[in-house]
PDB file of N, CA and C in Angstrom:
ATOM      1  N   UNK A   1       0.831  -1.251   0.124  1.00  0.00           N
ATOM      2  CA  UNK A   1       0.026  -0.104  -0.001  1.00  0.00           C
ATOM      3  C   UNK A   1       0.848   1.167  -0.061  1.00  0.00           C
ATOM      4  N   UNK A   2       0.563   2.164  -0.816  1.00  0.00           N
ATOM      5  CA  UNK A   2       1.070   3.425  -0.928  1.00  0.00           C
ATOM      6  C   UNK A   2       0.803   4.696  -0.245  1.00  0.00           C
ATOM      7  N   UNK A   3       1.406   5.463   0.429  1.00  0.00           N
ATOM      8  CA  UNK A   3       1.058   6.585   0.922  1.00  0.00           C
ATOM      9  C   UNK A   3       1.743   7.788   0.496  1.00  0.00           C
ATOM     10  N   UNK A   4       1.268   9.039   0.318  1.00  0.00           N
ATOM     11  CA  UNK A   4       1.973  10.087  -0.087  1.00  0.00           C
ATOM     12  C   UNK A   4       1.655  11.312   0.782  1.00  0.00           C
ATOM     13  N   UNK A   5       2.558  12.290   0.941  1.00  0.00           N
ATOM     14  CA  UNK A   5       2.347  13.377   1.694  1.00  0.00           C
ATOM     15  C   UNK A   5       3.369  14.619   1.073  1.00  0.00           C
ATOM     16  N   UNK A   6       2.746  15.783   0.993  1.00  0.00           N
ATOM     17  CA  UNK A   6       3.644  16.852   0.547  1.00  0.00           C
ATOM     18  C   UNK A   6       4.697  17.314   1.523  1.00  0.00           C
ATOM     19  N   UNK A   7       5.732  17.722   0.937  1.00  0.00           N
ATOM     20  CA  UNK A   7       6.957  18.377   1.775  1.00  0.00           C
ATOM     21  C   UNK A   7       6.606  19.776   1.807  1.00  0.00           C
ATOM     22  N   UNK A   8       6.213  20.175   2.974  1.00  0.00           N
ATOM     23  CA  UNK A   8       6.058  21.539   3.089  1.00  0.00           C
ATOM     24  C   UNK A   8       7.333  22.310   3.778  1.00  0.00           C
ATOM     25  N   UNK A   9       7.661  23.365   3.260  1.00  0.00           N
ATOM     26  CA  UNK A   9       8.862  24.204   3.871  1.00  0.00           C
ATOM     27  C   UNK A   9       8.382  25.008   5.015  1.00  0.00           C
ATOM     28  N   UNK A  10       8.029  24.320   6.048  1.00  0.00           N
ATOM     29  CA  UNK A  10       7.610  24.999   7.279  1.00  0.00           C
ATOM     30  C   UNK A  10       8.807  25.492   8.143  1.00  0.00           C
ATOM     31  N   UNK A  11       9.772  24.515   8.169  1.00  0.00           N
ATOM     32  CA  UNK A  11      11.001  24.887   8.981  1.00  0.00           C
ATOM     33  C   UNK A  11      12.143  25.330   8.032  1.00  0.00           C
ATOM     34  N   UNK A  12      13.060  25.942   8.766  1.00  0.00           N
ATOM     35  CA  UNK A  12      14.328  26.094   7.996  1.00  0.00           C
ATOM     36  C   UNK A  12      15.143  24.884   7.742  1.00  0.00           C
ATOM     37  N   UNK A  13      15.119  23.753   8.594  1.00  0.00           N
ATOM     38  CA  UNK A  13      15.909  22.553   8.493  1.00  0.00           C
ATOM     39  C   UNK A  13      15.072  21.664   7.626  1.00  0.00           C
ATOM     40  N   UNK A  14      15.694  21.441   6.210  1.00  0.00           N
ATOM     41  CA  UNK A  14      14.993  20.656   5.298  1.00  0.00           C
ATOM     42  C   UNK A  14      14.814  19.114   5.760  1.00  0.00           C
ATOM     43  N   UNK A  15      15.679  18.752   6.584  1.00  0.00           N
ATOM     44  CA  UNK A  15      15.519  17.294   7.273  1.00  0.00           C
ATOM     45  C   UNK A  15      14.359  17.141   8.076  1.00  0.00           C
ATOM     46  N   UNK A  16      14.003  18.249   8.731  1.00  0.00           N
ATOM     47  CA  UNK A  16      12.558  18.107   9.609  1.00  0.00           C
ATOM     48  C   UNK A  16      11.546  18.042   8.829  1.00  0.00           C
ATOM     49  N   UNK A  17      11.517  19.056   7.748  1.00  0.00           N
ATOM     50  CA  UNK A  17      10.410  18.952   6.834  1.00  0.00           C
ATOM     51  C   UNK A  17      10.106  17.645   6.212  1.00  0.00           C
ATOM     52  N   UNK A  18      11.359  16.994   5.737  1.00  0.00           N
ATOM     53  CA  UNK A  18      11.288  15.444   5.100  1.00  0.00           C
ATOM     54  C   UNK A  18      10.932  14.551   6.055  1.00  0.00           C
ATOM     55  N   UNK A  19      11.264  14.522   7.324  1.00  0.00           N
ATOM     56  CA  UNK A  19      10.938  13.763   8.435  1.00  0.00           C
ATOM     57  C   UNK A  19       9.338  13.864   8.769  1.00  0.00           C
ATOM     58  N   UNK A  20       8.712  14.982   8.626  1.00  0.00           N
ATOM     59  CA  UNK A  20       7.388  15.228   9.013  1.00  0.00           C
ATOM     60  C   UNK A  20       6.514  14.669   7.787  1.00  0.00           C
ATOM     61  N   UNK A  21       7.074  14.800   6.473  1.00  0.00           N
ATOM     62  CA  UNK A  21       6.318  14.345   5.311  1.00  0.00           C
ATOM     63  C   UNK A  21       6.469  12.856   5.442  1.00  0.00           C
ATOM     64  N   UNK A  22       7.488  12.263   5.815  1.00  0.00           N
ATOM     65  CA  UNK A  22       7.693  10.738   5.810  1.00  0.00           C
ATOM     66  C   UNK A  22       6.812  10.236   6.691  1.00  0.00           C
ATOM     67  N   UNK A  23       6.553  10.786   7.883  1.00  0.00           N
ATOM     68  CA  UNK A  23       5.603  10.367   8.862  1.00  0.00           C
ATOM     69  C   UNK A  23       4.287  10.438   8.345  1.00  0.00           C
ATOM     70  N   UNK A  24       3.951  11.601   7.662  1.00  0.00           N
ATOM     71  CA  UNK A  24       2.438  11.647   7.184  1.00  0.00           C
ATOM     72  C   UNK A  24       2.385  10.626   6.170  1.00  0.00           C
ATOM     73  N   UNK A  25       3.211  10.278   5.327  1.00  0.00           N
ATOM     74  CA  UNK A  25       3.142   9.561   4.094  1.00  0.00           C
ATOM     75  C   UNK A  25       2.921   8.005   4.709  1.00  0.00           C
ATOM     76  N   UNK A  26       3.744   7.822   5.764  1.00  0.00           N
ATOM     77  CA  UNK A  26       3.486   6.320   6.248  1.00  0.00           C
ATOM     78  C   UNK A  26       2.036   6.163   6.902  1.00  0.00           C
ATOM     79  N   UNK A  27       1.844   7.277   7.617  1.00  0.00           N
ATOM     80  CA  UNK A  27       0.372   7.272   8.406  1.00  0.00           C
ATOM     81  C   UNK A  27      -0.753   7.358   7.101  1.00  0.00           C
ATOM     82  N   UNK A  28      -0.476   7.774   6.084  1.00  0.00           N
ATOM     83  CA  UNK A  28      -1.446   7.778   4.964  1.00  0.00           C
ATOM     84  C   UNK A  28      -1.551   6.344   4.472  1.00  0.00           C
ATOM     85  N   UNK A  29      -0.378   5.708   4.433  1.00  0.00           N
ATOM     86  CA  UNK A  29      -0.425   4.261   3.830  1.00  0.00           C
ATOM     87  C   UNK A  29      -1.063   3.428   4.636  1.00  0.00           C
ATOM     88  N   UNK A  30      -0.815   3.583   5.892  1.00  0.00           N
ATOM     89  CA  UNK A  30      -1.348   2.674   7.080  1.00  0.00           C
ATOM     90  C   UNK A  30      -2.873   2.886   7.005  1.00  0.00           C
ATOM     91  N   UNK A  31      -3.401   4.082   6.838  1.00  0.00           N
ATOM     92  CA  UNK A  31      -4.793   4.386   6.764  1.00  0.00           C
ATOM     93  C   UNK A  31      -5.446   3.754   5.670  1.00  0.00           C
ATOM     94  N   UNK A  32      -4.840   3.652   4.611  1.00  0.00           N
ATOM     95  CA  UNK A  32      -5.297   3.036   3.261  1.00  0.00           C
ATOM     96  C   UNK A  32      -5.287   1.559   3.551  1.00  0.00           C
ATOM     97  N   UNK A  33      -4.167   0.990   4.104  1.00  0.00           N
ATOM     98  CA  UNK A  33      -4.319  -0.507   4.300  1.00  0.00           C
ATOM     99  C   UNK A  33      -5.398  -0.808   5.316  1.00  0.00           C
ATOM    100  N   UNK A  34      -5.557   0.050   6.291  1.00  0.00           N
ATOM    101  CA  UNK A  34      -6.552  -0.303   7.272  1.00  0.00           C
ATOM    102  C   UNK A  34      -8.058  -0.195   6.804  1.00  0.00           C
ATOM    103  N   UNK A  35      -8.082   0.738   5.747  1.00  0.00           N
ATOM    104  CA  UNK A  35      -9.422   0.883   5.227  1.00  0.00           C
ATOM    105  C   UNK A  35      -9.714  -0.316   4.239  1.00  0.00           C
ATOM    106  N   UNK A  36      -8.880  -1.042   3.707  1.00  0.00           N
ATOM    107  CA  UNK A  36      -9.051  -2.153   2.922  1.00  0.00           C
ATOM    108  C   UNK A  36      -9.508  -3.362   3.859  1.00  0.00           C
ATOM    109  N   UNK A  37      -9.197  -3.473   5.051  1.00  0.00           N
ATOM    110  CA  UNK A  37      -9.486  -4.614   5.799  1.00  0.00           C
ATOM    111  C   UNK A  37     -10.582  -4.439   7.012  1.00  0.00           C
ATOM    112  N   UNK A  38     -10.720  -3.088   7.185  1.00  0.00           N
ATOM    113  CA  UNK A  38     -11.718  -2.725   8.340  1.00  0.00           C
ATOM    114  C   UNK A  38     -12.916  -1.862   7.733  1.00  0.00           C
ATOM    115  N   UNK A  39     -13.938  -1.704   8.436  1.00  0.00           N
ATOM    116  CA  UNK A  39     -14.957  -0.741   8.249  1.00  0.00           C
ATOM    117  C   UNK A  39     -14.547   0.560   8.718  1.00  0.00           C
ATOM    118  N   UNK A  40     -14.940   1.538   7.907  1.00  0.00           N
ATOM    119  CA  UNK A  40     -14.914   3.076   8.324  1.00  0.00           C
ATOM    120  C   UNK A  40     -16.148   3.584   8.679  1.00  0.00           C
ATOM    121  N   UNK A  41     -16.262   4.300   9.947  1.00  0.00           N
ATOM    122  CA  UNK A  41     -17.292   4.786  10.271  1.00  0.00           C
ATOM    123  C   UNK A  41     -17.341   6.362  10.061  1.00  0.00           C
ATOM    124  N   UNK A  42     -18.280   6.945   9.335  1.00  0.00           N
ATOM    125  CA  UNK A  42     -18.233   8.240   9.049  1.00  0.00           C
ATOM    126  C   UNK A  42     -19.416   9.124   9.697  1.00  0.00           C
ATOM    127  N   UNK A  43     -19.270  10.005  10.423  1.00  0.00           N
ATOM    128  CA  UNK A  43     -20.296  10.844  11.018  1.00  0.00           C
ATOM    129  C   UNK A  43     -20.197  12.181  10.245  1.00  0.00           C
ATOM    130  N   UNK A  44     -21.297  12.742   9.814  1.00  0.00           N
ATOM    131  CA  UNK A  44     -21.287  14.127   9.154  1.00  0.00           C
ATOM    132  C   UNK A  44     -22.307  14.979   9.831  1.00  0.00           C
ATOM    133  N   UNK A  45     -21.991  16.198  10.156  1.00  0.00           N
ATOM    134  CA  UNK A  45     -22.870  17.170  10.749  1.00  0.00           C
ATOM    135  C   UNK A  45     -22.823  18.295   9.851  1.00  0.00           C
ATOM    136  N   UNK A  46     -24.099  18.800   9.492  1.00  0.00           N
ATOM    137  CA  UNK A  46     -24.257  20.121   8.675  1.00  0.00           C
ATOM    138  C   UNK A  46     -24.852  21.114   9.435  1.00  0.00           C
ATOM    139  N   UNK A  47     -24.375  22.133   9.740  1.00  0.00           N
ATOM    140  CA  UNK A  47     -24.935  23.428  10.454  1.00  0.00           C
ATOM    141  C   UNK A  47     -25.302  24.619   9.516  1.00  0.00           C
ATOM    142  N   UNK A  48     -26.497  25.039   9.573  1.00  0.00           N
ATOM    143  CA  UNK A  48     -26.890  26.037   8.735  1.00  0.00           C
ATOM    144  C   UNK A  48     -27.411  27.248   9.579  1.00  0.00           C
ATOM    145  N   UNK A  49     -26.882  28.432   9.282  1.00  0.00           N
ATOM    146  CA  UNK A  49     -27.203  29.535  10.256  1.00  0.00           C
ATOM    147  C   UNK A  49     -27.032  30.771   9.197  1.00  0.00           C
ATOM    148  N   UNK A  50     -28.273  31.462   9.030  1.00  0.00           N
ATOM    149  CA  UNK A  50     -28.313  32.805   8.142  1.00  0.00           C
ATOM    150  C   UNK A  50     -27.625  32.454   6.835  1.00  0.00           C
ATOM    151  N   UNK A  51     -27.988  31.337   6.099  1.00  0.00           N
ATOM    152  CA  UNK A  51     -27.587  31.031   4.823  1.00  0.00           C
ATOM    153  C   UNK A  51     -26.125  30.648   4.900  1.00  0.00           C
ATOM    154  N   UNK A  52     -25.485  30.579   5.897  1.00  0.00           N
ATOM    155  CA  UNK A  52     -23.925  30.023   5.875  1.00  0.00           C
ATOM    156  C   UNK A  52     -24.077  28.558   6.382  1.00  0.00           C
ATOM    157  N   UNK A  53     -23.248  27.846   5.480  1.00  0.00           N
ATOM    158  CA  UNK A  53     -23.286  26.443   5.925  1.00  0.00           C
ATOM    159  C   UNK A  53     -21.935  26.035   6.318  1.00  0.00           C
ATOM    160  N   UNK A  54     -21.881  25.338   7.369  1.00  0.00           N
ATOM    161  CA  UNK A  54     -20.639  24.722   7.889  1.00  0.00           C
ATOM    162  C   UNK A  54     -20.782  23.151   7.930  1.00  0.00           C
ATOM    163  N   UNK A  55     -19.943  22.291   7.457  1.00  0.00           N
ATOM    164  CA  UNK A  55     -19.994  20.962   7.398  1.00  0.00           C
ATOM    165  C   UNK A  55     -18.792  20.306   8.263  1.00  0.00           C
ATOM    166  N   UNK A  56     -19.101  19.383   9.109  1.00  0.00           N
ATOM    167  CA  UNK A  56     -18.077  18.794   9.748  1.00  0.00           C
ATOM    168  C   UNK A  56     -18.033  17.218   9.429  1.00  0.00           C
ATOM    169  N   UNK A  57     -17.067  16.619   9.009  1.00  0.00           N
ATOM    170  CA  UNK A  57     -17.068  15.286   8.641  1.00  0.00           C
ATOM    171  C   UNK A  57     -15.866  14.540   9.570  1.00  0.00           C
ATOM    172  N   UNK A  58     -16.184  13.610  10.247  1.00  0.00           N
ATOM    173  CA  UNK A  58     -15.433  12.921  11.058  1.00  0.00           C
ATOM    174  C   UNK A  58     -15.444  11.388  10.684  1.00  0.00           C
ATOM    175  N   UNK A  59     -14.259  10.816  10.564  1.00  0.00           N
ATOM    176  CA  UNK A  59     -14.164   9.436  10.257  1.00  0.00           C
ATOM    177  C   UNK A  59     -13.315   8.699  11.527  1.00  0.00           C
ATOM    178  N   UNK A  60     -13.836   7.540  11.475  1.00  0.00           N
ATOM    179  CA  UNK A  60     -13.040   6.642  12.594  1.00  0.00           C
ATOM    180  C   UNK A  60     -12.624   5.268  11.997  1.00  0.00           C
ATOM    181  N   UNK A  61     -11.447   4.839  12.125  1.00  0.00           N
ATOM    182  CA  UNK A  61     -11.089   3.506  11.570  1.00  0.00           C
ATOM    183  C   UNK A  61     -10.348   2.941  12.698  1.00  0.00           C
ATOM    184  N   UNK A  62     -10.703   1.490  12.823  1.00  0.00           N
ATOM    185  CA  UNK A  62     -10.015   0.665  13.844  1.00  0.00           C
ATOM    186  C   UNK A  62      -9.449  -0.545  13.115  1.00  0.00           C
ATOM    187  N   UNK A  63      -8.371  -0.733  13.017  1.00  0.00           N
ATOM    188  CA  UNK A  63      -7.797  -1.934  12.224  1.00  0.00           C
ATOM    189  C   UNK A  63      -6.487  -2.431  12.933  1.00  0.00           C
ATOM    190  N   UNK A  64      -6.203  -3.643  12.991  1.00  0.00           N
ATOM    191  CA  UNK A  64      -5.011  -4.238  13.570  1.00  0.00           C
ATOM    192  C   UNK A  64      -4.115  -4.446  12.372  1.00  0.00           C
ATOM    193  N   UNK A  65      -3.012  -3.754  12.387  1.00  0.00           N
ATOM    194  CA  UNK A  65      -1.922  -3.866  11.410  1.00  0.00           C
ATOM    195  C   UNK A  65      -0.729  -4.447  12.138  1.00  0.00           C
ATOM    196  N   UNK A  66      -0.453  -5.571  11.794  1.00  0.00           N
ATOM    197  CA  UNK A  66       0.631  -6.332  12.348  1.00  0.00           C
ATOM    198  C   UNK A  66       1.891  -6.542  11.664  1.00  0.00           C
ATOM    199  N   UNK A  67       3.039  -6.353  12.022  1.00  0.00           N
ATOM    200  CA  UNK A  67       4.303  -6.483  11.371  1.00  0.00           C
ATOM    201  C   UNK A  67       4.306  -5.901   9.869  1.00  0.00           C
ATOM    202  N   UNK A  68       3.877  -4.545   9.933  1.00  0.00           N
ATOM    203  CA  UNK A  68       3.905  -3.826   8.738  1.00  0.00           C
ATOM    204  C   UNK A  68       5.306  -3.313   8.676  1.00  0.00           C
ATOM    205  N   UNK A  69       5.857  -3.351   7.331  1.00  0.00           N
ATOM    206  CA  UNK A  69       7.307  -2.767   7.221  1.00  0.00           C
ATOM    207  C   UNK A  69       7.197  -1.924   5.845  1.00  0.00           C
ATOM    208  N   UNK A  70       8.186  -0.934   5.923  1.00  0.00           N
ATOM    209  CA  UNK A  70       8.354  -0.198   4.713  1.00  0.00           C
ATOM    210  C   UNK A  70       9.166  -0.887   3.643  1.00  0.00           C
ATOM    211  N   UNK A  71       8.624  -1.235   2.605  1.00  0.00           N
ATOM    212  CA  UNK A  71       9.147  -1.848   1.573  1.00  0.00           C
ATOM    213  C   UNK A  71       9.998  -1.124   0.680  1.00  0.00           C
ATOM    214  N   UNK A  72       9.389   0.193   0.407  1.00  0.00           N
ATOM    215  CA  UNK A  72      10.216   1.230  -0.375  1.00  0.00           C
ATOM    216  C   UNK A  72       9.746   2.676   0.132  1.00  0.00           C
ATOM    217  N   UNK A  73      10.624   3.584  -0.066  1.00  0.00           N
ATOM    218  CA  UNK A  73      10.330   4.921   0.257  1.00  0.00           C
ATOM    219  C   UNK A  73      11.284   5.852  -0.592  1.00  0.00           C
ATOM    220  N   UNK A  74      10.791   7.130  -0.812  1.00  0.00           N
ATOM    221  CA  UNK A  74      11.481   8.122  -1.388  1.00  0.00           C
ATOM    222  C   UNK A  74      10.817   9.390  -1.615  1.00  0.00           C
ATOM    223  N   UNK A  75      11.730  10.362  -2.149  1.00  0.00           N
ATOM    224  CA  UNK A  75      11.205  11.841  -2.219  1.00  0.00           C
ATOM    225  C   UNK A  75      11.104  11.952  -3.726  1.00  0.00           C
ATOM    226  N   UNK A  76       9.887  12.499  -4.081  1.00  0.00           N
ATOM    227  CA  UNK A  76       9.408  12.826  -5.590  1.00  0.00           C
ATOM    228  C   UNK A  76       9.701  14.331  -5.668  1.00  0.00           C
ATOM    229  N   UNK A  77      11.017  14.711  -6.260  1.00  0.00           N
ATOM    230  CA  UNK A  77      11.258  16.212  -6.290  1.00  0.00           C
ATOM    231  C   UNK A  77      10.335  16.951  -7.308  1.00  0.00           C
ATOM    232  N   UNK A  78       9.886  16.249  -8.191  1.00  0.00           N
ATOM    233  CA  UNK A  78       8.969  17.045  -9.167  1.00  0.00           C
ATOM    234  C   UNK A  78       7.745  17.403  -8.510  1.00  0.00           C
ATOM    235  N   UNK A  79       7.114  16.534  -7.654  1.00  0.00           N
ATOM    236  CA  UNK A  79       5.879  16.675  -7.148  1.00  0.00           C
ATOM    237  C   UNK A  79       6.089  17.282  -5.677  1.00  0.00           C
ATOM    238  N   UNK A  80       7.260  17.289  -5.145  1.00  0.00           N
ATOM    239  CA  UNK A  80       7.592  17.729  -3.804  1.00  0.00           C
ATOM    240  C   UNK A  80       6.700  16.964  -2.776  1.00  0.00           C
ATOM    241  N   UNK A  81       6.739  15.502  -2.983  1.00  0.00           N
ATOM    242  CA  UNK A  81       6.123  14.783  -2.098  1.00  0.00           C
ATOM    243  C   UNK A  81       6.978  13.658  -1.556  1.00  0.00           C
ATOM    244  N   UNK A  82       6.827  13.160  -0.411  1.00  0.00           N
ATOM    245  CA  UNK A  82       7.391  11.997   0.043  1.00  0.00           C
ATOM    246  C   UNK A  82       6.544  10.859   0.027  1.00  0.00           C
ATOM    247  N   UNK A  83       7.097   9.576  -0.589  1.00  0.00           N
ATOM    248  CA  UNK A  83       6.106   8.527  -0.700  1.00  0.00           C
ATOM    249  C   UNK A  83       6.635   7.295   0.087  1.00  0.00           C
ATOM    250  N   UNK A  84       5.833   6.423   0.479  1.00  0.00           N
ATOM    251  CA  UNK A  84       6.110   5.163   1.393  1.00  0.00           C
ATOM    252  C   UNK A  84       5.269   4.132   0.766  1.00  0.00           C
ATOM    253  N   UNK A  85       5.775   2.918   0.593  1.00  0.00           N
ATOM    254  CA  UNK A  85       5.194   1.641   0.358  1.00  0.00           C
ATOM    255  C   UNK A  85       5.343   0.886   1.391  1.00  0.00           C
ATOM    256  N   UNK A  86       4.147   0.310   1.957  1.00  0.00           N
ATOM    257  CA  UNK A  86       4.263  -0.544   3.153  1.00  0.00           C
ATOM    258  C   UNK A  86       3.823  -2.025   2.589  1.00  0.00           C
ATOM    259  N   UNK A  87       4.451  -3.016   3.265  1.00  0.00           N
ATOM    260  CA  UNK A  87       4.080  -4.369   3.039  1.00  0.00           C
ATOM    261  C   UNK A  87       3.645  -4.938   4.408  1.00  0.00           C
ATOM    262  N   UNK A  88       2.696  -6.090   4.333  1.00  0.00           N
ATOM    263  CA  UNK A  88       2.372  -6.668   5.586  1.00  0.00           C
ATOM    264  C   UNK A  88       2.178  -8.119   5.173  1.00  0.00           C
ATOM    265  N   UNK A  89       2.832  -9.281   6.016  1.00  0.00           N
ATOM    266  CA  UNK A  89       2.941 -10.462   5.685  1.00  0.00           C
ATOM    267  C   UNK A  89       1.383 -10.993   5.418  1.00  0.00           C
ATOM    268  N   UNK A  90       1.092 -11.880   4.486  1.00  0.00           N
ATOM    269  CA  UNK A  90      -0.145 -12.359   4.228  1.00  0.00           C
ATOM    270  C   UNK A  90      -0.898 -12.962   5.347  1.00  0.00           C
ATOM    271  N   UNK A  91      -0.149 -13.712   6.005  1.00  0.00           N
ATOM    272  CA  UNK A  91      -0.693 -14.345   7.089  1.00  0.00           C
ATOM    273  C   UNK A  91      -1.373 -13.543   8.173  1.00  0.00           C
ATOM    274  N   UNK A  92      -0.666 -12.197   8.341  1.00  0.00           N
ATOM    275  CA  UNK A  92      -1.177 -11.339   9.398  1.00  0.00           C
ATOM    276  C   UNK A  92      -2.346 -10.505   8.725  1.00  0.00           C
ATOM    277  N   UNK A  93      -2.286 -10.295   7.446  1.00  0.00           N
ATOM    278  CA  UNK A  93      -3.439  -9.848   6.736  1.00  0.00           C
ATOM    279  C   UNK A  93      -4.550 -10.456   6.809  1.00  0.00           C
ATOM    280  N   UNK A  94      -4.550 -11.719   6.563  1.00  0.00           N
ATOM    281  CA  UNK A  94      -5.632 -12.691   6.794  1.00  0.00           C
ATOM    282  C   UNK A  94      -6.286 -12.620   8.264  1.00  0.00           C
ATOM    283  N   UNK A  95      -5.284 -12.675   9.333  1.00  0.00           N
ATOM    284  CA  UNK A  95      -5.714 -12.631  10.506  1.00  0.00           C
ATOM    285  C   UNK A  95      -6.428 -11.479  10.883  1.00  0.00           C
ATOM    286  N   UNK A  96      -6.026 -10.258  10.384  1.00  0.00           N
ATOM    287  CA  UNK A  96      -6.733  -9.053  10.618  1.00  0.00           C
ATOM    288  C   UNK A  96      -8.113  -8.917   9.831  1.00  0.00           C
ATOM    289  N   UNK A  97      -8.125  -9.485   8.744  1.00  0.00           N
ATOM    290  CA  UNK A  97      -9.653  -9.490   8.044  1.00  0.00           C
ATOM    291  C   UNK A  97     -10.499 -10.429   9.013  1.00  0.00           C
ATOM    292  N   UNK A  98     -10.097 -11.460   9.429  1.00  0.00           N
ATOM    293  CA  UNK A  98     -10.777 -12.368  10.256  1.00  0.00           C
ATOM    294  C   UNK A  98     -11.199 -11.780  11.479  1.00  0.00           C
ATOM    295  N   UNK A  99     -10.356 -10.989  12.071  1.00  0.00           N
ATOM    296  CA  UNK A  99     -10.591 -10.280  13.370  1.00  0.00           C
ATOM    297  C   UNK A  99     -11.736  -9.229  13.183  1.00  0.00           C
ATOM    298  N   UNK A 100     -11.646  -8.641  12.066  1.00  0.00           N
ATOM    299  CA  UNK A 100     -12.648  -7.537  11.706  1.00  0.00           C
ATOM    300  C   UNK A 100     -14.020  -8.164  11.333  1.00  0.00           C
ATOM    301  N   UNK A 101     -14.033  -9.358  10.721  1.00  0.00           N
ATOM    302  CA  UNK A 101     -15.251 -10.061  10.374  1.00  0.00           C
ATOM    303  C   UNK A 101     -15.924 -10.534  11.421  1.00  0.00           C
ATOM    304  N   UNK A 102     -15.444 -11.004  12.642  1.00  0.00           N
ATOM    305  CA  UNK A 102     -16.107 -11.459  13.792  1.00  0.00           C
ATOM    306  C   UNK A 102     -16.764 -10.526  14.617  1.00  0.00           C
TER     307      UNK A 102
END
């Protein structure tokens, strides 16, 4: 599963910006993997006041990801994004799907 995150020049230290993007990319990949094996609960609230609308969307995901490792990772200079590809042993993936199904 692949996750991507933009590298934002928030800090003067580029290593810090890359580290934050790497963490965000991994979190994105883990979320995508979790969505594949578990249910996602979405709650939406729409508030209207004087013809102004505010919408709040909250999602919740609970999944067991075991022995997930980074297979590949890198920085895409053209897109200014950090990317991470995760892998999870099939046996643990099957266990996770069974746990969610019960």
